Amino acid sequence: MNKLLAILASATFATGAFAADAAPAKTPSPAQLAQQEKMARCNKNAEGKKGNERKVFMKTCLSGDDGKFSPAQQAQRDRMKACNDDALAMKGDERKKFMRTCLSKK
């Protein structure tokens, strides 16, 4: 019994020591650090928001949009919203065809 305990103890010690030496700590890349900082900033600004409101805010904040679009981008977004609203009842190929023609109009 003592031999079994000694073997288990030495195996546990050896495995623990090996695992500690085998995995040195990695330092984050500059891109990873920037993303972590952005996440912390957005998370702090999202305090008090819950559910879908928080989800939408975090998506916008992390993408860096800040809700500012050029006039051409805003026109495209407005066109997409209008076409989507008109196509609510459509499905499948009918919807695809409608959206293609609706979005290509200027």
N, C-alpha and C. Protein backbone atom coordinates (compact mmCIF):
# COMPACT_ATOMS: atom_id res chain seq x y z
N MET A 1 0.82 -1.20 0.00
CA MET A 1 0.00 0.00 0.00
C MET A 1 0.86 1.25 0.00
N ASN A 2 1.92 1.23 0.81
CA ASN A 2 2.82 2.39 0.87
C ASN A 2 3.50 2.64 -0.47
N LYS A 3 3.85 1.52 -1.17
CA LYS A 3 4.49 1.68 -2.48
C LYS A 3 3.53 2.35 -3.46
N LEU A 4 2.27 1.96 -3.40
CA LEU A 4 1.26 2.54 -4.30
C LEU A 4 1.10 4.03 -4.03
N LEU A 5 1.03 4.42 -2.77
CA LEU A 5 0.92 5.83 -2.42
C LEU A 5 2.16 6.61 -2.86
N ALA A 6 3.32 6.02 -2.71
CA ALA A 6 4.56 6.68 -3.12
C ALA A 6 4.58 6.89 -4.64
N ILE A 7 4.14 5.89 -5.38
CA ILE A 7 4.10 5.99 -6.83
C ILE A 7 3.11 7.07 -7.26
N LEU A 8 1.93 7.07 -6.66
CA LEU A 8 0.93 8.08 -7.00
C LEU A 8 1.41 9.49 -6.66
N ALA A 9 2.05 9.64 -5.53
CA ALA A 9 2.54 10.95 -5.12
C ALA A 9 3.63 11.44 -6.06
N SER A 10 4.55 10.56 -6.43
CA SER A 10 5.63 10.97 -7.33
C SER A 10 5.09 11.25 -8.74
N ALA A 11 4.10 10.49 -9.17
CA ALA A 11 3.51 10.72 -10.49
C ALA A 11 2.77 12.06 -10.50
N THR A 12 2.07 12.37 -9.43
CA THR A 12 1.36 13.63 -9.34
C THR A 12 2.34 14.80 -9.33
N PHE A 13 3.41 14.67 -8.57
CA PHE A 13 4.42 15.72 -8.49
C PHE A 13 5.10 15.91 -9.84
N ALA A 14 5.47 14.82 -10.47
CA ALA A 14 6.17 14.90 -11.76
C ALA A 14 5.26 15.52 -12.82
N THR A 15 4.00 15.14 -12.85
CA THR A 15 3.07 15.68 -13.83
C THR A 15 2.85 17.16 -13.58
N GLY A 16 2.69 17.55 -12.35
CA GLY A 16 2.48 18.96 -12.02
C GLY A 16 3.69 19.80 -12.36
N ALA A 17 4.88 19.31 -12.09
CA ALA A 17 6.10 20.06 -12.38
C ALA A 17 6.30 20.16 -13.88
N PHE A 18 6.05 19.10 -14.60
CA PHE A 18 6.21 19.10 -16.05
C PHE A 18 5.22 20.06 -16.71
N ALA A 19 3.97 20.04 -16.26
CA ALA A 19 2.95 20.90 -16.85
C ALA A 19 3.29 22.37 -16.62
N ALA A 20 3.86 22.70 -15.47
CA ALA A 20 4.21 24.08 -15.17
C ALA A 20 5.35 24.55 -16.06
N ASP A 21 6.31 23.67 -16.36
CA ASP A 21 7.45 24.04 -17.19
C ASP A 21 7.09 24.04 -18.67
N ALA A 22 6.15 23.24 -19.09
CA ALA A 22 5.85 23.06 -20.51
C ALA A 22 5.05 24.22 -21.10
N ALA A 23 4.32 24.96 -20.29
CA ALA A 23 3.45 26.00 -20.82
C ALA A 23 3.87 27.38 -20.30
N PRO A 24 4.86 28.00 -20.95
CA PRO A 24 5.24 29.34 -20.50
C PRO A 24 4.15 30.35 -20.85
N ALA A 25 4.09 31.39 -20.07
CA ALA A 25 3.05 32.41 -20.29
C ALA A 25 3.33 33.16 -21.58
N LYS A 26 2.28 33.35 -22.38
CA LYS A 26 2.41 34.08 -23.64
C LYS A 26 2.05 35.54 -23.39
N THR A 27 2.75 36.42 -24.06
CA THR A 27 2.39 37.82 -23.97
C THR A 27 1.49 38.15 -25.16
N PRO A 28 0.44 38.90 -24.92
CA PRO A 28 -0.49 39.24 -26.01
C PRO A 28 0.17 40.12 -27.06
N SER A 29 -0.24 39.95 -28.29
CA SER A 29 0.26 40.78 -29.38
C SER A 29 -0.32 42.19 -29.24
N PRO A 30 0.25 43.16 -29.95
CA PRO A 30 -0.31 44.52 -29.89
C PRO A 30 -1.77 44.57 -30.34
N ALA A 31 -2.12 43.77 -31.34
CA ALA A 31 -3.52 43.73 -31.80
C ALA A 31 -4.43 43.18 -30.71
N GLN A 32 -3.96 42.15 -30.01
CA GLN A 32 -4.76 41.57 -28.93
C GLN A 32 -4.91 42.57 -27.78
N LEU A 33 -3.85 43.29 -27.47
CA LEU A 33 -3.93 44.30 -26.41
C LEU A 33 -4.92 45.40 -26.78
N ALA A 34 -4.87 45.83 -28.04
CA ALA A 34 -5.80 46.87 -28.49
C ALA A 34 -7.24 46.39 -28.38
N GLN A 35 -7.49 45.14 -28.76
CA GLN A 35 -8.83 44.58 -28.68
C GLN A 35 -9.29 44.47 -27.23
N GLN A 36 -8.37 44.08 -26.34
CA GLN A 36 -8.73 43.98 -24.92
C GLN A 36 -9.07 45.36 -24.35
N GLU A 37 -8.31 46.38 -24.74
CA GLU A 37 -8.60 47.73 -24.28
C GLU A 37 -9.94 48.23 -24.81
N LYS A 38 -10.21 47.93 -26.08
CA LYS A 38 -11.49 48.33 -26.68
C LYS A 38 -12.64 47.64 -25.97
N MET A 39 -12.47 46.35 -25.67
CA MET A 39 -13.52 45.59 -24.98
C MET A 39 -13.77 46.17 -23.60
N ALA A 40 -12.71 46.52 -22.89
CA ALA A 40 -12.86 47.10 -21.55
C ALA A 40 -13.59 48.45 -21.62
N ARG A 41 -13.20 49.28 -22.60
CA ARG A 41 -13.84 50.60 -22.75
C ARG A 41 -15.32 50.47 -23.10
N CYS A 42 -15.62 49.59 -24.06
CA CYS A 42 -17.02 49.39 -24.47
C CYS A 42 -17.84 48.81 -23.32
N ASN A 43 -17.24 47.87 -22.59
CA ASN A 43 -17.93 47.24 -21.47
C ASN A 43 -18.26 48.27 -20.40
N LYS A 44 -17.32 49.18 -20.15
CA LYS A 44 -17.56 50.22 -19.15
C LYS A 44 -18.68 51.16 -19.62
N ASN A 45 -18.67 51.52 -20.90
CA ASN A 45 -19.70 52.41 -21.44
C ASN A 45 -21.07 51.74 -21.52
N ALA A 46 -21.11 50.43 -21.47
CA ALA A 46 -22.37 49.70 -21.58
C ALA A 46 -23.04 49.48 -20.23
N GLU A 47 -22.46 50.02 -19.17
CA GLU A 47 -23.07 49.85 -17.85
C GLU A 47 -24.48 50.40 -17.84
N GLY A 48 -25.40 49.63 -17.26
CA GLY A 48 -26.79 50.04 -17.17
C GLY A 48 -27.64 49.54 -18.32
N LYS A 49 -27.01 49.09 -19.39
CA LYS A 49 -27.76 48.55 -20.53
C LYS A 49 -27.94 47.05 -20.33
N LYS A 50 -29.07 46.54 -20.76
CA LYS A 50 -29.36 45.11 -20.59
C LYS A 50 -29.97 44.55 -21.85
N GLY A 51 -29.85 43.26 -22.01
CA GLY A 51 -30.52 42.55 -23.09
C GLY A 51 -30.10 43.01 -24.47
N ASN A 52 -31.09 43.16 -25.34
CA ASN A 52 -30.83 43.51 -26.73
C ASN A 52 -30.18 44.88 -26.87
N GLU A 53 -30.55 45.81 -26.01
CA GLU A 53 -29.95 47.15 -26.07
C GLU A 53 -28.44 47.06 -25.86
N ARG A 54 -28.01 46.25 -24.89
CA ARG A 54 -26.58 46.07 -24.63
C ARG A 54 -25.90 45.37 -25.79
N LYS A 55 -26.56 44.36 -26.33
CA LYS A 55 -25.99 43.59 -27.45
C LYS A 55 -25.74 44.50 -28.66
N VAL A 56 -26.72 45.32 -29.00
CA VAL A 56 -26.59 46.23 -30.13
C VAL A 56 -25.50 47.25 -29.85
N PHE A 57 -25.47 47.80 -28.63
CA PHE A 57 -24.45 48.78 -28.28
C PHE A 57 -23.05 48.18 -28.38
N MET A 58 -22.85 46.99 -27.83
CA MET A 58 -21.53 46.35 -27.85
C MET A 58 -21.09 46.05 -29.28
N LYS A 59 -22.00 45.60 -30.11
CA LYS A 59 -21.65 45.30 -31.50
C LYS A 59 -21.18 46.56 -32.21
N THR A 60 -21.90 47.66 -32.02
CA THR A 60 -21.54 48.93 -32.64
C THR A 60 -20.22 49.45 -32.08
N CYS A 61 -20.08 49.39 -30.77
CA CYS A 61 -18.88 49.91 -30.13
C CYS A 61 -17.64 49.12 -30.56
N LEU A 62 -17.73 47.80 -30.55
CA LEU A 62 -16.57 46.97 -30.88
C LEU A 62 -16.21 47.03 -32.36
N SER A 63 -17.18 47.32 -33.21
CA SER A 63 -16.87 47.42 -34.63
C SER A 63 -16.25 48.77 -34.95
N GLY A 64 -16.33 49.71 -34.01
CA GLY A 64 -15.71 51.01 -34.20
C GLY A 64 -16.56 51.98 -35.02
N ASP A 65 -17.81 51.63 -35.27
CA ASP A 65 -18.66 52.48 -36.09
C ASP A 65 -19.00 53.80 -35.40
N ASP A 66 -19.32 53.73 -34.15
CA ASP A 66 -19.77 54.89 -33.37
C ASP A 66 -20.98 55.57 -33.99
N GLY A 67 -21.68 54.87 -34.89
CA GLY A 67 -22.89 55.42 -35.48
C GLY A 67 -22.64 56.50 -36.51
N LYS A 68 -21.41 56.67 -36.96
CA LYS A 68 -21.10 57.71 -37.93
C LYS A 68 -20.88 57.07 -39.29
N PHE A 69 -21.70 57.46 -40.25
CA PHE A 69 -21.61 56.91 -41.59
C PHE A 69 -21.52 58.04 -42.60
N SER A 70 -20.87 57.76 -43.70
CA SER A 70 -20.82 58.75 -44.77
C SER A 70 -22.23 58.86 -45.37
N PRO A 71 -22.52 59.93 -46.11
CA PRO A 71 -23.85 60.06 -46.72
C PRO A 71 -24.20 58.88 -47.63
N ALA A 72 -23.21 58.37 -48.37
CA ALA A 72 -23.47 57.23 -49.26
C ALA A 72 -23.80 55.98 -48.45
N GLN A 73 -23.06 55.77 -47.35
CA GLN A 73 -23.33 54.61 -46.49
C GLN A 73 -24.71 54.73 -45.84
N GLN A 74 -25.04 55.93 -45.39
CA GLN A 74 -26.34 56.13 -44.75
C GLN A 74 -27.47 55.91 -45.74
N ALA A 75 -27.29 56.36 -46.99
CA ALA A 75 -28.31 56.16 -48.03
C ALA A 75 -28.51 54.67 -48.29
N GLN A 76 -27.40 53.91 -48.34
CA GLN A 76 -27.49 52.46 -48.56
C GLN A 76 -28.19 51.79 -47.39
N ARG A 77 -27.87 52.20 -46.17
CA ARG A 77 -28.52 51.62 -44.99
C ARG A 77 -30.02 51.92 -44.99
N ASP A 78 -30.39 53.16 -45.36
CA ASP A 78 -31.80 53.52 -45.42
C ASP A 78 -32.53 52.72 -46.50
N ARG A 79 -31.85 52.54 -47.64
CA ARG A 79 -32.45 51.76 -48.73
C ARG A 79 -32.65 50.30 -48.29
N MET A 80 -31.66 49.74 -47.61
CA MET A 80 -31.76 48.36 -47.13
C MET A 80 -32.91 48.21 -46.14
N LYS A 81 -33.04 49.18 -45.24
CA LYS A 81 -34.13 49.12 -44.26
C LYS A 81 -35.49 49.19 -44.95
N ALA A 82 -35.64 50.10 -45.91
CA ALA A 82 -36.91 50.25 -46.63
C ALA A 82 -37.24 48.97 -47.41
N CYS A 83 -36.24 48.40 -48.09
CA CYS A 83 -36.48 47.17 -48.86
C CYS A 83 -36.83 46.01 -47.92
N ASN A 84 -36.16 45.91 -46.79
CA ASN A 84 -36.46 44.85 -45.83
C ASN A 84 -37.88 45.00 -45.30
N ASP A 85 -38.29 46.23 -45.02
CA ASP A 85 -39.65 46.47 -44.53
C ASP A 85 -40.69 46.06 -45.56
N ASP A 86 -40.40 46.33 -46.84
CA ASP A 86 -41.34 45.98 -47.91
C ASP A 86 -41.38 44.47 -48.16
N ALA A 87 -40.32 43.77 -47.82
CA ALA A 87 -40.23 42.35 -48.14
C ALA A 87 -40.54 41.44 -46.95
N LEU A 88 -41.15 41.95 -45.91
CA LEU A 88 -41.40 41.15 -44.71
C LEU A 88 -42.21 39.89 -44.99
N ALA A 89 -43.22 39.97 -45.84
CA ALA A 89 -44.10 38.83 -46.07
C ALA A 89 -43.53 37.86 -47.11
N MET A 90 -42.46 38.23 -47.80
CA MET A 90 -41.90 37.39 -48.86
C MET A 90 -40.90 36.40 -48.30
N LYS A 91 -40.74 35.27 -49.02
CA LYS A 91 -39.79 34.25 -48.61
C LYS A 91 -39.10 33.67 -49.84
N GLY A 92 -37.94 33.07 -49.60
CA GLY A 92 -37.24 32.32 -50.63
C GLY A 92 -36.83 33.13 -51.84
N ASP A 93 -37.02 32.50 -53.01
CA ASP A 93 -36.60 33.13 -54.27
C ASP A 93 -37.34 34.44 -54.54
N GLU A 94 -38.61 34.49 -54.14
CA GLU A 94 -39.39 35.71 -54.34
C GLU A 94 -38.73 36.88 -53.61
N ARG A 95 -38.31 36.64 -52.37
CA ARG A 95 -37.67 37.69 -51.57
C ARG A 95 -36.32 38.08 -52.17
N LYS A 96 -35.53 37.09 -52.57
CA LYS A 96 -34.22 37.38 -53.17
C LYS A 96 -34.36 38.25 -54.41
N LYS A 97 -35.30 37.89 -55.27
CA LYS A 97 -35.51 38.64 -56.50
C LYS A 97 -35.95 40.07 -56.18
N PHE A 98 -36.89 40.20 -55.25
CA PHE A 98 -37.37 41.52 -54.87
C PHE A 98 -36.25 42.38 -54.29
N MET A 99 -35.47 41.81 -53.37
CA MET A 99 -34.39 42.55 -52.74
C MET A 99 -33.34 42.98 -53.77
N ARG A 100 -33.03 42.12 -54.70
CA ARG A 100 -32.06 42.46 -55.74
C ARG A 100 -32.51 43.67 -56.54
N THR A 101 -33.77 43.65 -56.96
CA THR A 101 -34.27 44.78 -57.76
C THR A 101 -34.46 46.03 -56.90
N CYS A 102 -34.93 45.85 -55.69
CA CYS A 102 -35.16 46.99 -54.80
C CYS A 102 -33.84 47.69 -54.45
N LEU A 103 -32.81 46.93 -54.14
CA LEU A 103 -31.54 47.54 -53.74
C LEU A 103 -30.78 48.12 -54.92
N SER A 104 -31.06 47.65 -56.12
CA SER A 104 -30.33 48.18 -57.28
C SER A 104 -30.92 49.49 -57.77
N LYS A 105 -32.12 49.85 -57.34
CA LYS A 105 -32.74 51.12 -57.72
C LYS A 105 -32.00 52.28 -57.07
N LYS A 106 -31.91 53.37 -57.80
CA LYS A 106 -31.22 54.54 -57.22
C LYS A 106 -32.11 55.73 -57.14
